[in-house]
């Protein structure tokens, strides 16, 4: 998913199922999103995420996951979109992260 304004990419969101840091299982796509700083707070990320949830549901997925650092304000954003904390762990450089899962059905 790509958000553009005046021909400039201002945000992207995607999911993947690969054996990487946020891998839960082979049926749960891991979500990632990035919005340019100056475009945050305008609902762009929410619209992109909701569209991704719809696409995932329509393709038979039951949930999606993500990892976020505990001190990242985005953790509250993910909770507002229905993600729930499922676990905690340290990443490869020692940051404490939350595993979050959102049920899609």
PDB file of N, CA and C in Angstrom:
ATOM      1  N   UNK A   1       0.858  -1.148   0.000  1.00  0.00           N
ATOM      2  CA  UNK A   1       0.000   0.000   0.000  1.00  0.00           C
ATOM      3  C   UNK A   1       0.914   1.223   0.000  1.00  0.00           C
ATOM      4  N   UNK A   2       0.606   2.182  -0.870  1.00  0.00           N
ATOM      5  CA  UNK A   2       1.407   3.391  -0.981  1.00  0.00           C
ATOM      6  C   UNK A   2       0.484   4.605  -0.907  1.00  0.00           C
ATOM      7  N   UNK A   3       0.875   5.600  -0.126  1.00  0.00           N
ATOM      8  CA  UNK A   3       0.157   6.882  -0.072  1.00  0.00           C
ATOM      9  C   UNK A   3       1.015   7.917  -0.775  1.00  0.00           C
ATOM     10  N   UNK A   4       0.375   8.671  -1.658  1.00  0.00           N
ATOM     11  CA  UNK A   4       1.079   9.707  -2.399  1.00  0.00           C
ATOM     12  C   UNK A   4       0.371  11.041  -2.241  1.00  0.00           C
ATOM     13  N   UNK A   5       1.146  12.094  -2.342  1.00  0.00           N
ATOM     14  CA  UNK A   5       0.591  13.440  -2.395  1.00  0.00           C
ATOM     15  C   UNK A   5       1.394  14.216  -3.433  1.00  0.00           C
ATOM     16  N   UNK A   6       0.705  14.747  -4.419  1.00  0.00           N
ATOM     17  CA  UNK A   6       1.359  15.504  -5.493  1.00  0.00           C
ATOM     18  C   UNK A   6       2.512  14.732  -6.123  1.00  0.00           C
ATOM     19  N   UNK A   7       2.308  13.421  -6.327  1.00  0.00           N
ATOM     20  CA  UNK A   7       3.314  12.588  -6.964  1.00  0.00           C
ATOM     21  C   UNK A   7       4.453  12.138  -6.063  1.00  0.00           C
ATOM     22  N   UNK A   8       4.438  12.523  -4.792  1.00  0.00           N
ATOM     23  CA  UNK A   8       5.481  12.133  -3.843  1.00  0.00           C
ATOM     24  C   UNK A   8       4.954  11.029  -2.933  1.00  0.00           C
ATOM     25  N   UNK A   9       5.725   9.968  -2.771  1.00  0.00           N
ATOM     26  CA  UNK A   9       5.361   8.916  -1.825  1.00  0.00           C
ATOM     27  C   UNK A   9       5.549   9.464  -0.423  1.00  0.00           C
ATOM     28  N   UNK A  10       4.462   9.444   0.366  1.00  0.00           N
ATOM     29  CA  UNK A  10       4.535   9.970   1.731  1.00  0.00           C
ATOM     30  C   UNK A  10       4.343   8.883   2.785  1.00  0.00           C
ATOM     31  N   UNK A  11       3.936   7.685   2.349  1.00  0.00           N
ATOM     32  CA  UNK A  11       3.760   6.586   3.282  1.00  0.00           C
ATOM     33  C   UNK A  11       3.653   5.259   2.567  1.00  0.00           C
ATOM     34  N   UNK A  12       4.071   4.208   3.249  1.00  0.00           N
ATOM     35  CA  UNK A  12       3.946   2.851   2.728  1.00  0.00           C
ATOM     36  C   UNK A  12       3.547   1.921   3.875  1.00  0.00           C
ATOM     37  N   UNK A  13       2.813   0.897   3.539  1.00  0.00           N
ATOM     38  CA  UNK A  13       2.455  -0.146   4.508  1.00  0.00           C
ATOM     39  C   UNK A  13       2.449  -1.472   3.755  1.00  0.00           C
ATOM     40  N   UNK A  14       2.922  -2.516   4.387  1.00  0.00           N
ATOM     41  CA  UNK A  14       2.988  -3.809   3.722  1.00  0.00           C
ATOM     42  C   UNK A  14       2.948  -4.920   4.746  1.00  0.00           C
ATOM     43  N   UNK A  15       2.689  -6.107   4.261  1.00  0.00           N
ATOM     44  CA  UNK A  15       2.761  -7.301   5.102  1.00  0.00           C
ATOM     45  C   UNK A  15       3.635  -8.325   4.394  1.00  0.00           C
ATOM     46  N   UNK A  16       4.131  -9.254   5.190  1.00  0.00           N
ATOM     47  CA  UNK A  16       4.954 -10.323   4.634  1.00  0.00           C
ATOM     48  C   UNK A  16       4.894 -11.524   5.561  1.00  0.00           C
ATOM     49  N   UNK A  17       5.114 -12.673   4.977  1.00  0.00           N
ATOM     50  CA  UNK A  17       5.261 -13.897   5.762  1.00  0.00           C
ATOM     51  C   UNK A  17       6.608 -14.492   5.381  1.00  0.00           C
ATOM     52  N   UNK A  18       7.601 -14.191   6.190  1.00  0.00           N
ATOM     53  CA  UNK A  18       8.931 -14.763   6.030  1.00  0.00           C
ATOM     54  C   UNK A  18       9.473 -15.027   7.430  1.00  0.00           C
ATOM     55  N   UNK A  19      10.452 -15.888   7.512  1.00  0.00           N
ATOM     56  CA  UNK A  19      11.044 -16.162   8.815  1.00  0.00           C
ATOM     57  C   UNK A  19      11.996 -15.021   9.147  1.00  0.00           C
ATOM     58  N   UNK A  20      11.455 -14.018   9.838  1.00  0.00           N
ATOM     59  CA  UNK A  20      12.223 -12.835  10.219  1.00  0.00           C
ATOM     60  C   UNK A  20      11.850 -12.484  11.656  1.00  0.00           C
ATOM     61  N   UNK A  21      12.245 -11.322  12.095  1.00  0.00           N
ATOM     62  CA  UNK A  21      12.084 -10.911  13.487  1.00  0.00           C
ATOM     63  C   UNK A  21      10.654 -11.026  13.993  1.00  0.00           C
ATOM     64  N   UNK A  22       9.677 -10.586  13.230  1.00  0.00           N
ATOM     65  CA  UNK A  22       8.294 -10.584  13.685  1.00  0.00           C
ATOM     66  C   UNK A  22       7.493 -11.806  13.298  1.00  0.00           C
ATOM     67  N   UNK A  23       8.153 -12.862  12.861  1.00  0.00           N
ATOM     68  CA  UNK A  23       7.445 -14.069  12.406  1.00  0.00           C
ATOM     69  C   UNK A  23       6.704 -14.736  13.563  1.00  0.00           C
ATOM     70  N   UNK A  24       5.402 -14.972  13.362  1.00  0.00           N
ATOM     71  CA  UNK A  24       4.598 -15.677  14.360  1.00  0.00           C
ATOM     72  C   UNK A  24       4.370 -17.109  13.890  1.00  0.00           C
ATOM     73  N   UNK A  25       3.838 -17.246  12.675  1.00  0.00           N
ATOM     74  CA  UNK A  25       3.636 -18.546  12.052  1.00  0.00           C
ATOM     75  C   UNK A  25       3.440 -18.319  10.554  1.00  0.00           C
ATOM     76  N   UNK A  26       3.291 -19.388   9.807  1.00  0.00           N
ATOM     77  CA  UNK A  26       3.192 -19.275   8.352  1.00  0.00           C
ATOM     78  C   UNK A  26       1.814 -18.848   7.860  1.00  0.00           C
ATOM     79  N   UNK A  27       0.889 -18.571   8.764  1.00  0.00           N
ATOM     80  CA  UNK A  27      -0.440 -18.096   8.395  1.00  0.00           C
ATOM     81  C   UNK A  27      -0.699 -16.663   8.868  1.00  0.00           C
ATOM     82  N   UNK A  28       0.286 -16.036   9.487  1.00  0.00           N
ATOM     83  CA  UNK A  28       0.113 -14.695  10.047  1.00  0.00           C
ATOM     84  C   UNK A  28       1.073 -13.719   9.386  1.00  0.00           C
ATOM     85  N   UNK A  29       0.546 -12.841   8.532  1.00  0.00           N
ATOM     86  CA  UNK A  29       1.427 -11.841   7.937  1.00  0.00           C
ATOM     87  C   UNK A  29       1.845 -10.792   8.961  1.00  0.00           C
ATOM     88  N   UNK A  30       3.112 -10.442   8.906  1.00  0.00           N
ATOM     89  CA  UNK A  30       3.645  -9.393   9.766  1.00  0.00           C
ATOM     90  C   UNK A  30       3.481  -8.054   9.046  1.00  0.00           C
ATOM     91  N   UNK A  31       3.001  -7.057   9.761  1.00  0.00           N
ATOM     92  CA  UNK A  31       2.739  -5.758   9.174  1.00  0.00           C
ATOM     93  C   UNK A  31       3.861  -4.777   9.473  1.00  0.00           C
ATOM     94  N   UNK A  32       4.150  -3.916   8.507  1.00  0.00           N
ATOM     95  CA  UNK A  32       5.093  -2.813   8.696  1.00  0.00           C
ATOM     96  C   UNK A  32       4.497  -1.580   8.027  1.00  0.00           C
ATOM     97  N   UNK A  33       4.752  -0.419   8.607  1.00  0.00           N
ATOM     98  CA  UNK A  33       4.238   0.830   8.067  1.00  0.00           C
ATOM     99  C   UNK A  33       5.242   1.934   8.324  1.00  0.00           C
ATOM    100  N   UNK A  34       5.302   2.873   7.382  1.00  0.00           N
ATOM    101  CA  UNK A  34       6.161   4.033   7.541  1.00  0.00           C
ATOM    102  C   UNK A  34       5.481   5.228   6.876  1.00  0.00           C
ATOM    103  N   UNK A  35       5.355   6.313   7.633  1.00  0.00           N
ATOM    104  CA  UNK A  35       4.780   7.557   7.133  1.00  0.00           C
ATOM    105  C   UNK A  35       5.835   8.644   7.357  1.00  0.00           C
ATOM    106  N   UNK A  36       6.051   9.489   6.352  1.00  0.00           N
ATOM    107  CA  UNK A  36       6.996  10.595   6.523  1.00  0.00           C
ATOM    108  C   UNK A  36       6.544  11.437   7.711  1.00  0.00           C
ATOM    109  N   UNK A  37       7.494  11.849   8.526  1.00  0.00           N
ATOM    110  CA  UNK A  37       7.210  12.542   9.778  1.00  0.00           C
ATOM    111  C   UNK A  37       6.227  13.692   9.614  1.00  0.00           C
ATOM    112  N   UNK A  38       6.421  14.515   8.618  1.00  0.00           N
ATOM    113  CA  UNK A  38       5.566  15.698   8.466  1.00  0.00           C
ATOM    114  C   UNK A  38       4.136  15.380   8.042  1.00  0.00           C
ATOM    115  N   UNK A  39       3.856  14.108   7.698  1.00  0.00           N
ATOM    116  CA  UNK A  39       2.510  13.714   7.302  1.00  0.00           C
ATOM    117  C   UNK A  39       1.816  12.852   8.362  1.00  0.00           C
ATOM    118  N   UNK A  40       2.443  12.678   9.501  1.00  0.00           N
ATOM    119  CA  UNK A  40       1.834  11.900  10.582  1.00  0.00           C
ATOM    120  C   UNK A  40       0.761  12.728  11.280  1.00  0.00           C
ATOM    121  N   UNK A  41      -0.250  12.039  11.796  1.00  0.00           N
ATOM    122  CA  UNK A  41      -1.305  12.716  12.544  1.00  0.00           C
ATOM    123  C   UNK A  41      -2.466  13.201  11.691  1.00  0.00           C
ATOM    124  N   UNK A  42      -2.487  12.823  10.421  1.00  0.00           N
ATOM    125  CA  UNK A  42      -3.569  13.244   9.524  1.00  0.00           C
ATOM    126  C   UNK A  42      -4.483  12.101   9.104  1.00  0.00           C
ATOM    127  N   UNK A  43      -4.301  10.920   9.696  1.00  0.00           N
ATOM    128  CA  UNK A  43      -5.166   9.779   9.378  1.00  0.00           C
ATOM    129  C   UNK A  43      -4.701   8.935   8.205  1.00  0.00           C
ATOM    130  N   UNK A  44      -3.564   9.272   7.629  1.00  0.00           N
ATOM    131  CA  UNK A  44      -3.063   8.532   6.469  1.00  0.00           C
ATOM    132  C   UNK A  44      -2.743   7.090   6.853  1.00  0.00           C
ATOM    133  N   UNK A  45      -2.029   6.916   7.965  1.00  0.00           N
ATOM    134  CA  UNK A  45      -1.674   5.572   8.417  1.00  0.00           C
ATOM    135  C   UNK A  45      -2.903   4.744   8.752  1.00  0.00           C
ATOM    136  N   UNK A  46      -3.887   5.353   9.388  1.00  0.00           N
ATOM    137  CA  UNK A  46      -5.122   4.640   9.735  1.00  0.00           C
ATOM    138  C   UNK A  46      -5.823   4.156   8.476  1.00  0.00           C
ATOM    139  N   UNK A  47      -5.937   5.009   7.473  1.00  0.00           N
ATOM    140  CA  UNK A  47      -6.593   4.608   6.221  1.00  0.00           C
ATOM    141  C   UNK A  47      -5.840   3.473   5.541  1.00  0.00           C
ATOM    142  N   UNK A  48      -4.515   3.572   5.521  1.00  0.00           N
ATOM    143  CA  UNK A  48      -3.713   2.527   4.884  1.00  0.00           C
ATOM    144  C   UNK A  48      -3.863   1.201   5.618  1.00  0.00           C
ATOM    145  N   UNK A  49      -3.808   1.249   6.943  1.00  0.00           N
ATOM    146  CA  UNK A  49      -3.916   0.025   7.734  1.00  0.00           C
ATOM    147  C   UNK A  49      -5.291  -0.622   7.551  1.00  0.00           C
ATOM    148  N   UNK A  50      -6.354   0.179   7.596  1.00  0.00           N
ATOM    149  CA  UNK A  50      -7.695  -0.382   7.441  1.00  0.00           C
ATOM    150  C   UNK A  50      -7.868  -1.028   6.078  1.00  0.00           C
ATOM    151  N   UNK A  51      -7.300  -0.433   5.041  1.00  0.00           N
ATOM    152  CA  UNK A  51      -7.364  -1.030   3.707  1.00  0.00           C
ATOM    153  C   UNK A  51      -6.583  -2.340   3.680  1.00  0.00           C
ATOM    154  N   UNK A  52      -5.415  -2.366   4.304  1.00  0.00           N
ATOM    155  CA  UNK A  52      -4.643  -3.618   4.370  1.00  0.00           C
ATOM    156  C   UNK A  52      -5.411  -4.698   5.117  1.00  0.00           C
ATOM    157  N   UNK A  53      -6.074  -4.331   6.222  1.00  0.00           N
ATOM    158  CA  UNK A  53      -6.859  -5.318   6.967  1.00  0.00           C
ATOM    159  C   UNK A  53      -7.942  -5.911   6.067  1.00  0.00           C
ATOM    160  N   UNK A  54      -8.593  -5.059   5.290  1.00  0.00           N
ATOM    161  CA  UNK A  54      -9.648  -5.518   4.371  1.00  0.00           C
ATOM    162  C   UNK A  54      -9.081  -6.478   3.324  1.00  0.00           C
ATOM    163  N   UNK A  55      -7.932  -6.131   2.758  1.00  0.00           N
ATOM    164  CA  UNK A  55      -7.298  -6.999   1.756  1.00  0.00           C
ATOM    165  C   UNK A  55      -6.917  -8.336   2.371  1.00  0.00           C
ATOM    166  N   UNK A  56      -6.344  -8.305   3.570  1.00  0.00           N
ATOM    167  CA  UNK A  56      -5.959  -9.551   4.238  1.00  0.00           C
ATOM    168  C   UNK A  56      -7.180 -10.425   4.527  1.00  0.00           C
ATOM    169  N   UNK A  57      -8.253  -9.811   5.069  1.00  0.00           N
ATOM    170  CA  UNK A  57      -9.491 -10.562   5.339  1.00  0.00           C
ATOM    171  C   UNK A  57     -10.022 -11.197   4.058  1.00  0.00           C
ATOM    172  N   UNK A  58     -10.070 -10.412   2.987  1.00  0.00           N
ATOM    173  CA  UNK A  58     -10.598 -10.908   1.712  1.00  0.00           C
ATOM    174  C   UNK A  58      -9.757 -12.033   1.132  1.00  0.00           C
ATOM    175  N   UNK A  59      -8.524 -12.158   1.585  1.00  0.00           N
ATOM    176  CA  UNK A  59      -7.651 -13.229   1.125  1.00  0.00           C
ATOM    177  C   UNK A  59      -7.526 -14.360   2.134  1.00  0.00           C
ATOM    178  N   UNK A  60      -8.426 -14.376   3.131  1.00  0.00           N
ATOM    179  CA  UNK A  60      -8.520 -15.508   4.044  1.00  0.00           C
ATOM    180  C   UNK A  60      -7.639 -15.474   5.271  1.00  0.00           C
ATOM    181  N   UNK A  61      -6.927 -14.388   5.518  1.00  0.00           N
ATOM    182  CA  UNK A  61      -6.079 -14.327   6.701  1.00  0.00           C
ATOM    183  C   UNK A  61      -6.915 -14.018   7.933  1.00  0.00           C
ATOM    184  N   UNK A  62      -6.568 -14.636   9.050  1.00  0.00           N
ATOM    185  CA  UNK A  62      -7.338 -14.491  10.286  1.00  0.00           C
ATOM    186  C   UNK A  62      -6.738 -13.483  11.255  1.00  0.00           C
ATOM    187  N   UNK A  63      -5.447 -13.181  11.083  1.00  0.00           N
ATOM    188  CA  UNK A  63      -4.795 -12.240  11.988  1.00  0.00           C
ATOM    189  C   UNK A  63      -3.548 -11.682  11.323  1.00  0.00           C
ATOM    190  N   UNK A  64      -3.038 -10.627  11.912  1.00  0.00           N
ATOM    191  CA  UNK A  64      -1.772 -10.042  11.488  1.00  0.00           C
ATOM    192  C   UNK A  64      -0.982  -9.671  12.739  1.00  0.00           C
ATOM    193  N   UNK A  65       0.324  -9.604  12.601  1.00  0.00           N
ATOM    194  CA  UNK A  65       1.177  -9.322  13.760  1.00  0.00           C
ATOM    195  C   UNK A  65       2.123  -8.181  13.449  1.00  0.00           C
ATOM    196  N   UNK A  66       2.742  -7.662  14.498  1.00  0.00           N
ATOM    197  CA  UNK A  66       3.818  -6.698  14.344  1.00  0.00           C
ATOM    198  C   UNK A  66       4.603  -6.649  15.642  1.00  0.00           C
ATOM    199  N   UNK A  67       5.822  -6.161  15.554  1.00  0.00           N
ATOM    200  CA  UNK A  67       6.642  -5.874  16.726  1.00  0.00           C
ATOM    201  C   UNK A  67       6.845  -4.379  16.772  1.00  0.00           C
ATOM    202  N   UNK A  68       6.807  -3.804  17.963  1.00  0.00           N
ATOM    203  CA  UNK A  68       7.029  -2.376  18.139  1.00  0.00           C
ATOM    204  C   UNK A  68       7.791  -2.172  19.444  1.00  0.00           C
ATOM    205  N   UNK A  69       8.728  -1.221  19.436  1.00  0.00           N
ATOM    206  CA  UNK A  69       9.461  -0.923  20.665  1.00  0.00           C
ATOM    207  C   UNK A  69       8.500  -0.376  21.710  1.00  0.00           C
ATOM    208  N   UNK A  70       8.715  -0.791  22.951  1.00  0.00           N
ATOM    209  CA  UNK A  70       7.832  -0.390  24.052  1.00  0.00           C
ATOM    210  C   UNK A  70       7.692   1.122  24.174  1.00  0.00           C
ATOM    211  N   UNK A  71       8.763   1.854  23.931  1.00  0.00           N
ATOM    212  CA  UNK A  71       8.716   3.301  24.114  1.00  0.00           C
ATOM    213  C   UNK A  71       8.286   4.056  22.853  1.00  0.00           C
ATOM    214  N   UNK A  72       7.862   3.349  21.820  1.00  0.00           N
ATOM    215  CA  UNK A  72       7.430   3.971  20.573  1.00  0.00           C
ATOM    216  C   UNK A  72       5.967   4.409  20.706  1.00  0.00           C
ATOM    217  N   UNK A  73       5.660   5.685  20.491  1.00  0.00           N
ATOM    218  CA  UNK A  73       4.270   6.145  20.581  1.00  0.00           C
ATOM    219  C   UNK A  73       3.336   5.407  19.626  1.00  0.00           C
ATOM    220  N   UNK A  74       3.879   4.804  18.579  1.00  0.00           N
ATOM    221  CA  UNK A  74       3.048   4.053  17.633  1.00  0.00           C
ATOM    222  C   UNK A  74       2.360   2.865  18.298  1.00  0.00           C
ATOM    223  N   UNK A  75       2.870   2.371  19.421  1.00  0.00           N
ATOM    224  CA  UNK A  75       2.227   1.244  20.111  1.00  0.00           C
ATOM    225  C   UNK A  75       0.780   1.590  20.455  1.00  0.00           C
ATOM    226  N   UNK A  76       0.519   2.819  20.871  1.00  0.00           N
ATOM    227  CA  UNK A  76      -0.864   3.246  21.176  1.00  0.00           C
ATOM    228  C   UNK A  76      -1.713   3.314  19.903  1.00  0.00           C
ATOM    229  N   UNK A  77      -1.103   3.764  18.811  1.00  0.00           N
ATOM    230  CA  UNK A  77      -1.771   3.801  17.514  1.00  0.00           C
ATOM    231  C   UNK A  77      -2.225   2.395  17.124  1.00  0.00           C
ATOM    232  N   UNK A  78      -1.348   1.413  17.268  1.00  0.00           N
ATOM    233  CA  UNK A  78      -1.687   0.034  16.921  1.00  0.00           C
ATOM    234  C   UNK A  78      -2.807  -0.492  17.822  1.00  0.00           C
ATOM    235  N   UNK A  79      -2.765  -0.149  19.091  1.00  0.00           N
ATOM    236  CA  UNK A  79      -3.840  -0.579  20.003  1.00  0.00           C
ATOM    237  C   UNK A  79      -5.185   0.003  19.572  1.00  0.00           C
ATOM    238  N   UNK A  80      -5.201   1.265  19.173  1.00  0.00           N
ATOM    239  CA  UNK A  80      -6.453   1.875  18.715  1.00  0.00           C
ATOM    240  C   UNK A  80      -7.012   1.161  17.487  1.00  0.00           C
ATOM    241  N   UNK A  81      -6.141   0.549  16.702  1.00  0.00           N
ATOM    242  CA  UNK A  81      -6.582  -0.174  15.518  1.00  0.00           C
ATOM    243  C   UNK A  81      -6.927  -1.634  15.818  1.00  0.00           C
ATOM    244  N   UNK A  82      -6.872  -2.018  17.092  1.00  0.00           N
ATOM    245  CA  UNK A  82      -7.302  -3.356  17.473  1.00  0.00           C
ATOM    246  C   UNK A  82      -6.204  -4.352  17.770  1.00  0.00           C
ATOM    247  N   UNK A  83      -4.953  -3.940  17.706  1.00  0.00           N
ATOM    248  CA  UNK A  83      -3.869  -4.849  18.067  1.00  0.00           C
ATOM    249  C   UNK A  83      -3.829  -5.014  19.583  1.00  0.00           C
ATOM    250  N   UNK A  84      -3.522  -6.226  20.007  1.00  0.00           N
ATOM    251  CA  UNK A  84      -3.379  -6.524  21.430  1.00  0.00           C
ATOM    252  C   UNK A  84      -1.980  -7.062  21.686  1.00  0.00           C
ATOM    253  N   UNK A  85      -1.427  -6.723  22.844  1.00  0.00           N
ATOM    254  CA  UNK A  85      -0.105  -7.208  23.199  1.00  0.00           C
ATOM    255  C   UNK A  85      -0.173  -8.708  23.448  1.00  0.00           C
ATOM    256  N   UNK A  86       0.767  -9.402  22.837  1.00  0.00           N
ATOM    257  CA  UNK A  86       0.776 -10.853  22.936  1.00  0.00           C
ATOM    258  C   UNK A  86       2.042 -11.378  23.591  1.00  0.00           C
ATOM    259  N   UNK A  87       3.064 -10.544  23.686  1.00  0.00           N
ATOM    260  CA  UNK A  87       4.316 -10.976  24.286  1.00  0.00           C
ATOM    261  C   UNK A  87       5.327  -9.856  24.250  1.00  0.00           C
ATOM    262  N   UNK A  88       6.482 -10.122  24.844  1.00  0.00           N
ATOM    263  CA  UNK A  88       7.569  -9.150  24.875  1.00  0.00           C
ATOM    264  C   UNK A  88       8.872  -9.874  24.596  1.00  0.00           C
ATOM    265  N   UNK A  89       9.827  -9.107  24.019  1.00  0.00           N
ATOM    266  CA  UNK A  89      11.165  -9.669  23.838  1.00  0.00           C
ATOM    267  C   UNK A  89      12.133  -8.554  23.486  1.00  0.00           C
ATOM    268  N   UNK A  90      13.410  -8.843  23.623  1.00  0.00           N
ATOM    269  CA  UNK A  90      14.449  -7.882  23.252  1.00  0.00           C
ATOM    270  C   UNK A  90      14.850  -8.126  21.804  1.00  0.00           C
ATOM    271  N   UNK A  91      15.075  -7.049  21.067  1.00  0.00           N
ATOM    272  CA  UNK A  91      15.521  -7.203  19.684  1.00  0.00           C
ATOM    273  C   UNK A  91      17.036  -7.409  19.643  1.00  0.00           C
ATOM    274  N   UNK A  92      17.608  -7.400  18.446  1.00  0.00           N
ATOM    275  CA  UNK A  92      19.029  -7.718  18.262  1.00  0.00           C
ATOM    276  C   UNK A  92      19.976  -6.694  18.884  1.00  0.00           C
ATOM    277  N   UNK A  93      19.476  -5.506  19.250  1.00  0.00           N
ATOM    278  CA  UNK A  93      20.333  -4.512  19.907  1.00  0.00           C
ATOM    279  C   UNK A  93      19.889  -4.225  21.338  1.00  0.00           C
ATOM    280  N   UNK A  94      18.973  -5.035  21.854  1.00  0.00           N
ATOM    281  CA  UNK A  94      18.580  -4.934  23.250  1.00  0.00           C
ATOM    282  C   UNK A  94      17.378  -4.062  23.556  1.00  0.00           C
ATOM    283  N   UNK A  95      16.722  -3.485  22.538  1.00  0.00           N
ATOM    284  CA  UNK A  95      15.489  -2.734  22.788  1.00  0.00           C
ATOM    285  C   UNK A  95      14.372  -3.685  23.196  1.00  0.00           C
ATOM    286  N   UNK A  96      13.576  -3.267  24.155  1.00  0.00           N
ATOM    287  CA  UNK A  96      12.444  -4.075  24.583  1.00  0.00           C
ATOM    288  C   UNK A  96      11.265  -3.808  23.640  1.00  0.00           C
ATOM    289  N   UNK A  97      10.732  -4.869  23.070  1.00  0.00           N
ATOM    290  CA  UNK A  97       9.649  -4.772  22.097  1.00  0.00           C
ATOM    291  C   UNK A  97       8.421  -5.538  22.551  1.00  0.00           C
ATOM    292  N   UNK A  98       7.271  -5.100  22.034  1.00  0.00           N
ATOM    293  CA  UNK A  98       6.013  -5.823  22.197  1.00  0.00           C
ATOM    294  C   UNK A  98       5.712  -6.584  20.913  1.00  0.00           C
ATOM    295  N   UNK A  99       5.264  -7.806  21.049  1.00  0.00           N
ATOM    296  CA  UNK A  99       4.624  -8.516  19.951  1.00  0.00           C
ATOM    297  C   UNK A  99       3.149  -8.184  20.058  1.00  0.00           C
ATOM    298  N   UNK A 100       2.560  -7.716  18.969  1.00  0.00           N
ATOM    299  CA  UNK A 100       1.145  -7.361  18.969  1.00  0.00           C
ATOM    300  C   UNK A 100       0.445  -8.134  17.846  1.00  0.00           C
ATOM    301  N   UNK A 101      -0.771  -8.582  18.135  1.00  0.00           N
ATOM    302  CA  UNK A 101      -1.560  -9.349  17.165  1.00  0.00           C
ATOM    303  C   UNK A 101      -2.937  -8.731  17.058  1.00  0.00           C
ATOM    304  N   UNK A 102      -3.433  -8.654  15.827  1.00  0.00           N
ATOM    305  CA  UNK A 102      -4.797  -8.167  15.569  1.00  0.00           C
ATOM    306  C   UNK A 102      -5.570  -9.290  14.894  1.00  0.00           C
ATOM    307  N   UNK A 103      -6.690  -9.643  15.476  1.00  0.00           N
ATOM    308  CA  UNK A 103      -7.604 -10.607  14.855  1.00  0.00           C
ATOM    309  C   UNK A 103      -8.360  -9.883  13.756  1.00  0.00           C
ATOM    310  N   UNK A 104      -8.493 -10.524  12.601  1.00  0.00           N
ATOM    311  CA  UNK A 104      -9.140  -9.904  11.454  1.00  0.00           C
ATOM    312  C   UNK A 104     -10.588 -10.350  11.267  1.00  0.00           C
ATOM    313  N   UNK A 105     -11.038 -11.323  11.988  1.00  0.00           N
ATOM    314  CA  UNK A 105     -12.423 -11.818  11.824  1.00  0.00           C
ATOM    315  C   UNK A 105     -13.271 -11.395  12.983  1.00  0.00           C
TER     316      UNK A 105
END
